[in-house]
Amino acid sequence: MKYAGLLIMPAGFILSIAAIILFPSPAYRAIFVICGIAVEVMGLIVAVRGHMLSRSETRP
């Protein structure tokens, strides 16, 4: 899962850049940029949770 999160983050960045380039209307741009940022945040959450130790690994 940790690698999936690291792959999702660039997808959100590309979505944001594509929205700025493709949409002439500022309203559509803003919506897609917010969606791109949300995808980046989800990828970050998946990556962080994938790198966290589980409770069973921390107990002796």
N, C-alpha and C. Protein backbone atom coordinates (compact mmCIF):
# COMPACT_ATOMS: atom_id res chain seq x y z
N MET A 1 0.81 -1.20 0.00
CA MET A 1 0.00 0.00 0.00
C MET A 1 0.86 1.27 0.00
N LYS A 2 2.04 1.19 0.61
CA LYS A 2 2.84 2.42 0.69
C LYS A 2 3.27 2.89 -0.69
N TYR A 3 3.50 1.95 -1.60
CA TYR A 3 3.89 2.36 -2.95
C TYR A 3 2.71 2.89 -3.75
N ALA A 4 1.52 2.40 -3.45
CA ALA A 4 0.32 2.91 -4.12
C ALA A 4 0.11 4.38 -3.77
N GLY A 5 0.34 4.73 -2.51
CA GLY A 5 0.21 6.12 -2.10
C GLY A 5 1.22 7.02 -2.80
N LEU A 6 2.43 6.51 -2.96
CA LEU A 6 3.46 7.29 -3.64
C LEU A 6 3.17 7.45 -5.13
N LEU A 7 2.41 6.55 -5.70
CA LEU A 7 2.02 6.68 -7.11
C LEU A 7 0.79 7.57 -7.29
N ILE A 8 -0.04 7.65 -6.27
CA ILE A 8 -1.26 8.46 -6.35
C ILE A 8 -0.93 9.95 -6.28
N MET A 9 0.07 10.32 -5.50
CA MET A 9 0.39 11.75 -5.32
C MET A 9 0.75 12.45 -6.63
N PRO A 10 1.60 11.87 -7.49
CA PRO A 10 1.86 12.56 -8.77
C PRO A 10 0.63 12.64 -9.66
N ALA A 11 -0.28 11.68 -9.53
CA ALA A 11 -1.52 11.73 -10.33
C ALA A 11 -2.34 12.97 -9.96
N GLY A 12 -2.40 13.30 -8.70
CA GLY A 12 -3.11 14.50 -8.27
C GLY A 12 -2.44 15.76 -8.78
N PHE A 13 -1.12 15.77 -8.78
CA PHE A 13 -0.38 16.91 -9.30
C PHE A 13 -0.63 17.09 -10.80
N ILE A 14 -0.60 16.00 -11.54
CA ILE A 14 -0.85 16.05 -12.99
C ILE A 14 -2.27 16.50 -13.27
N LEU A 15 -3.22 16.07 -12.45
CA LEU A 15 -4.61 16.49 -12.60
C LEU A 15 -4.74 18.00 -12.41
N SER A 16 -4.05 18.53 -11.42
CA SER A 16 -4.10 19.98 -11.19
C SER A 16 -3.48 20.76 -12.34
N ILE A 17 -2.35 20.33 -12.83
CA ILE A 17 -1.69 21.01 -13.95
C ILE A 17 -2.54 20.92 -15.22
N ALA A 18 -3.12 19.75 -15.47
CA ALA A 18 -3.98 19.59 -16.65
C ALA A 18 -5.20 20.50 -16.57
N ALA A 19 -5.75 20.67 -15.38
CA ALA A 19 -6.92 21.55 -15.23
C ALA A 19 -6.56 22.99 -15.55
N ILE A 20 -5.40 23.43 -15.11
CA ILE A 20 -4.98 24.80 -15.39
C ILE A 20 -4.77 25.01 -16.88
N ILE A 21 -4.25 24.01 -17.55
CA ILE A 21 -3.97 24.14 -18.99
C ILE A 21 -5.25 24.01 -19.82
N LEU A 22 -6.12 23.07 -19.48
CA LEU A 22 -7.23 22.72 -20.36
C LEU A 22 -8.50 23.56 -20.19
N PHE A 23 -8.79 24.02 -18.98
CA PHE A 23 -10.06 24.69 -18.75
C PHE A 23 -9.91 26.21 -18.82
N PRO A 24 -10.70 26.84 -19.68
CA PRO A 24 -10.62 28.30 -19.79
C PRO A 24 -11.38 29.02 -18.66
N SER A 25 -12.40 28.37 -18.13
CA SER A 25 -13.22 29.00 -17.09
C SER A 25 -12.56 28.86 -15.72
N PRO A 26 -12.45 29.96 -14.98
CA PRO A 26 -11.84 29.87 -13.65
C PRO A 26 -12.61 28.97 -12.68
N ALA A 27 -13.90 28.88 -12.84
CA ALA A 27 -14.70 28.04 -11.94
C ALA A 27 -14.34 26.56 -12.13
N TYR A 28 -14.27 26.12 -13.38
CA TYR A 28 -13.91 24.73 -13.66
C TYR A 28 -12.48 24.45 -13.22
N ARG A 29 -11.59 25.39 -13.45
CA ARG A 29 -10.20 25.23 -13.01
C ARG A 29 -10.13 25.03 -11.51
N ALA A 30 -10.84 25.86 -10.78
CA ALA A 30 -10.80 25.78 -9.31
C ALA A 30 -11.32 24.44 -8.82
N ILE A 31 -12.40 23.96 -9.43
CA ILE A 31 -12.97 22.68 -9.02
C ILE A 31 -11.97 21.55 -9.25
N PHE A 32 -11.35 21.53 -10.42
CA PHE A 32 -10.42 20.45 -10.72
C PHE A 32 -9.11 20.57 -9.95
N VAL A 33 -8.68 21.77 -9.65
CA VAL A 33 -7.49 21.94 -8.82
C VAL A 33 -7.77 21.44 -7.40
N ILE A 34 -8.95 21.73 -6.89
CA ILE A 34 -9.32 21.21 -5.56
C ILE A 34 -9.39 19.69 -5.57
N CYS A 35 -9.93 19.12 -6.64
CA CYS A 35 -9.96 17.65 -6.75
C CYS A 35 -8.54 17.08 -6.83
N GLY A 36 -7.66 17.74 -7.57
CA GLY A 36 -6.27 17.29 -7.65
C GLY A 36 -5.57 17.34 -6.31
N ILE A 37 -5.81 18.40 -5.56
CA ILE A 37 -5.22 18.51 -4.23
C ILE A 37 -5.79 17.43 -3.31
N ALA A 38 -7.07 17.13 -3.44
CA ALA A 38 -7.68 16.07 -2.63
C ALA A 38 -7.05 14.71 -2.96
N VAL A 39 -6.77 14.46 -4.23
CA VAL A 39 -6.12 13.21 -4.63
C VAL A 39 -4.71 13.14 -4.03
N GLU A 40 -3.99 14.26 -4.05
CA GLU A 40 -2.65 14.28 -3.45
C GLU A 40 -2.71 14.00 -1.96
N VAL A 41 -3.68 14.58 -1.27
CA VAL A 41 -3.82 14.35 0.17
C VAL A 41 -4.16 12.88 0.45
N MET A 42 -5.04 12.30 -0.37
CA MET A 42 -5.36 10.88 -0.19
C MET A 42 -4.13 10.01 -0.40
N GLY A 43 -3.33 10.34 -1.40
CA GLY A 43 -2.09 9.59 -1.63
C GLY A 43 -1.13 9.72 -0.47
N LEU A 44 -1.04 10.92 0.09
CA LEU A 44 -0.18 11.13 1.24
C LEU A 44 -0.65 10.32 2.45
N ILE A 45 -1.95 10.28 2.66
CA ILE A 45 -2.51 9.50 3.78
C ILE A 45 -2.22 8.01 3.58
N VAL A 46 -2.41 7.51 2.38
CA VAL A 46 -2.14 6.10 2.11
C VAL A 46 -0.65 5.79 2.30
N ALA A 47 0.22 6.68 1.85
CA ALA A 47 1.65 6.46 2.00
C ALA A 47 2.06 6.47 3.47
N VAL A 48 1.54 7.40 4.24
CA VAL A 48 1.90 7.48 5.66
C VAL A 48 1.37 6.27 6.41
N ARG A 49 0.14 5.89 6.14
CA ARG A 49 -0.42 4.72 6.83
C ARG A 49 0.30 3.45 6.42
N GLY A 50 0.81 3.38 5.21
CA GLY A 50 1.55 2.21 4.78
C GLY A 50 2.90 2.09 5.45
N HIS A 51 3.47 3.21 5.86
CA HIS A 51 4.78 3.19 6.51
C HIS A 51 4.69 3.09 8.04
N MET A 52 3.51 3.22 8.58
CA MET A 52 3.35 3.13 10.04
C MET A 52 3.44 1.66 10.47
N LEU A 53 4.00 1.44 11.65
CA LEU A 53 4.06 0.10 12.20
C LEU A 53 2.70 -0.27 12.76
N SER A 54 2.34 -1.54 12.59
CA SER A 54 1.08 -1.98 13.18
C SER A 54 1.27 -2.19 14.67
N ARG A 55 0.19 -2.27 15.40
CA ARG A 55 0.26 -2.42 16.86
C ARG A 55 0.94 -3.72 17.26
N SER A 56 0.73 -4.77 16.48
CA SER A 56 1.35 -6.06 16.82
C SER A 56 2.87 -6.02 16.63
N GLU A 57 3.37 -5.17 15.76
CA GLU A 57 4.81 -5.07 15.55
C GLU A 57 5.50 -4.27 16.64
N THR A 58 4.78 -3.39 17.33
CA THR A 58 5.40 -2.55 18.36
C THR A 58 5.44 -3.25 19.72
N ARG A 59 4.64 -4.23 19.94
CA ARG A 59 4.62 -4.93 21.23
C ARG A 59 5.71 -6.01 21.24
N PRO A 60 6.39 -6.19 22.40
CA PRO A 60 7.42 -7.23 22.47
C PRO A 60 6.87 -8.62 22.58
